[in-house]
Protein backbone atom coordinates (compact mmCIF):
# COMPACT_ATOMS: atom_id res chain seq x y z
CA MET A 1 0.00 0.00 0.00
CA THR A 2 2.77 2.46 0.84
CA GLY A 3 5.19 1.40 -1.86
CA ASN A 4 7.88 0.72 0.74
CA CYS A 5 9.40 -2.58 1.70
CA ARG A 6 8.22 -4.44 4.77
CA ARG A 7 11.48 -3.87 6.65
CA ALA A 8 11.25 -0.08 6.27
CA ILE A 9 7.74 -0.06 7.72
CA GLN A 10 8.88 -2.27 10.61
CA MET A 11 11.66 0.24 11.38
CA TRP A 12 9.15 3.12 11.33
CA VAL A 13 6.88 1.28 13.73
CA ALA A 14 9.79 0.54 16.08
CA LYS A 15 10.86 4.23 16.03
CA TYR A 16 7.30 5.34 16.68
CA ASN A 17 6.88 2.89 19.57
CA SER A 18 10.08 3.99 21.25
CA HIS A 19 10.06 7.78 20.55
CA SER A 20 6.48 8.61 19.38
CA LEU A 21 6.22 11.12 16.50
CA GLU A 22 9.61 12.65 17.31
CA GLY A 23 11.23 9.35 16.38
CA LEU A 24 9.82 9.53 12.85
CA LYS A 25 11.30 12.97 12.08
CA GLU A 26 14.29 13.08 9.81
CA GLN A 27 17.47 13.09 11.87
CA ARG A 28 20.61 15.03 11.07
CA ARG A 29 23.02 12.80 9.22
CA SER A 30 26.71 13.00 9.69
CA GLY A 31 28.76 13.15 6.57
CA ARG A 32 32.35 13.40 5.68
CA CYS A 33 33.86 16.75 6.59
CA PRO A 34 35.08 18.70 3.57
CA LYS A 35 38.84 18.71 3.12
CA LEU A 36 38.82 22.48 2.63
CA PRO A 37 36.97 23.95 5.62
CA PRO A 38 34.06 26.25 4.74
CA THR A 39 35.81 29.02 6.67
CA LYS A 40 38.49 29.07 3.95
CA TYR A 41 36.07 29.14 0.99
CA LYS A 42 36.15 32.93 0.73
CA LYS A 43 39.95 33.04 0.69
CA PHE A 44 40.06 30.23 -1.90
CA CYS A 45 37.50 31.97 -4.12
CA SER A 46 39.40 35.26 -4.00
CA ARG A 47 42.60 33.39 -4.95
CA ILE A 48 40.86 31.76 -7.92
CA ASP A 49 39.18 35.03 -8.98
CA ALA A 50 42.56 36.78 -8.95
CA GLY A 51 43.71 34.45 -11.72
CA PRO A 52 47.11 32.88 -12.15
CA ALA A 53 50.01 34.36 -10.22
CA LYS A 54 53.48 34.74 -11.74
CA LYS A 55 54.66 31.65 -9.88
CA ASP A 56 51.90 29.57 -11.51
CA SER A 57 53.66 29.83 -14.92
CA THR A 58 50.37 29.63 -16.83
CA ILE A 59 47.92 32.06 -18.38
CA ILE A 60 44.80 30.08 -17.46
CA LEU A 61 44.10 28.07 -14.33
CA SER A 62 43.32 24.46 -15.15
CA GLY A 63 42.17 21.75 -12.78
CA LYS A 64 45.76 20.64 -12.21
CA ASP A 65 46.79 24.22 -11.37
CA ILE A 66 43.94 24.60 -8.87
CA GLN A 67 44.87 21.22 -7.40
CA GLN A 68 48.38 22.54 -6.84
CA ILE A 69 47.09 25.80 -5.31
CA LEU A 70 44.94 23.84 -2.87
CA SER A 71 47.92 21.72 -1.91
CA GLU A 72 50.47 24.52 -1.52
CA SER A 73 48.35 27.39 -0.17
CA PHE A 74 45.70 25.55 1.82
CA GLY A 75 47.42 22.29 2.73
CA VAL A 76 44.67 20.00 1.39
CA VAL A 77 45.03 17.30 -1.23
CA TYR A 78 42.17 16.85 -3.71
CA THR A 79 41.86 14.50 -6.64
CA LEU A 80 41.23 16.18 -9.97
CA ASP A 81 37.61 15.05 -9.85
CA GLY A 82 37.36 16.45 -6.31
CA VAL A 83 38.69 19.81 -7.52
CA TYR A 84 35.99 20.03 -10.17
CA LYS A 85 33.29 19.07 -7.66
CA LEU A 86 34.55 21.73 -5.23
CA LEU A 87 34.53 24.37 -7.97
CA HIS A 88 31.01 23.38 -8.98
CA ARG A 89 29.85 23.55 -5.36
CA LEU A 90 31.28 27.07 -5.11
CA GLY A 91 29.50 28.21 -8.29
CA TYR A 92 32.35 28.03 -10.80
CA SER A 93 32.04 26.48 -14.23
CA CYS A 94 34.67 24.97 -16.49
CA LEU A 95 34.88 27.54 -19.24
CA LYS A 96 37.91 28.48 -21.21
CA PRO A 97 38.45 30.88 -24.08
CA ARG A 98 38.20 29.61 -27.60
CA PRO A 99 41.63 28.92 -29.06
CA ARG A 100 42.91 31.28 -31.74
CA HIS A 101 45.62 30.63 -34.24
CA LYS A 102 48.65 32.86 -33.71
CA LYS A 103 48.75 33.89 -37.41
CA ALA A 104 45.03 34.67 -37.65
CA ASP A 105 44.14 38.09 -39.05
CA PRO A 106 40.90 39.48 -37.53
CA LEU A 107 40.27 41.81 -40.50
CA ILE A 108 40.43 39.01 -43.04
CA GLN A 109 38.17 36.87 -40.84
CA GLU A 110 35.54 39.64 -40.68
CA LYS A 111 35.69 40.11 -44.45
CA PHE A 112 35.22 36.36 -44.92
CA LYS A 113 32.21 36.33 -42.62
CA LYS A 114 30.54 39.14 -44.60
CA THR A 115 31.17 37.68 -48.05
CA SER A 116 30.63 34.01 -47.24
CA LEU A 117 27.15 34.61 -45.83
CA ARG A 118 25.91 35.95 -49.18
CA GLY A 119 27.37 32.97 -51.00
CA TRP A 120 25.74 30.57 -48.57
CA MET A 121 22.35 32.24 -48.98
CA LYS A 122 22.55 31.81 -52.78
CA PHE A 123 23.57 28.17 -52.41
CA ASN A 124 20.96 27.36 -49.78
CA GLN A 125 17.88 28.38 -51.81
CA GLY A 126 16.97 24.78 -52.28
CA ILE A 127 16.85 22.44 -55.22
CA ARG A 128 13.47 21.63 -56.69
CA ALA A 129 12.77 18.02 -57.44
CA LYS A 130 11.39 17.05 -60.82
CA LYS A 131 7.87 15.69 -60.82
């Protein structure tokens, strides 16, 4: 009738018999403490927002770089997956700028965009099938 297994209902009855309705309320569950204490979140976020330092020898912070920052500056060791989960929990996303070729000319690219659109429109008018 309830959609629960028999054992679960037996546990509910036992809790109710020993502690009345208070026994049926959801109890606080203990969980694993985070490696980086919540008191250090603000400092960590400001370090990440500041971007790479000169000692980081990179122009963009990757997961490996953040893993190293956590280890050196905060004394906690995270796996790479753990780093990404921490960043997600703190509201960060994994975005990076689109790569650009070092010999690319922005003016030529803009000209190509303007002229190629007209050519595409002519080509994309459709082909009529014979009846």
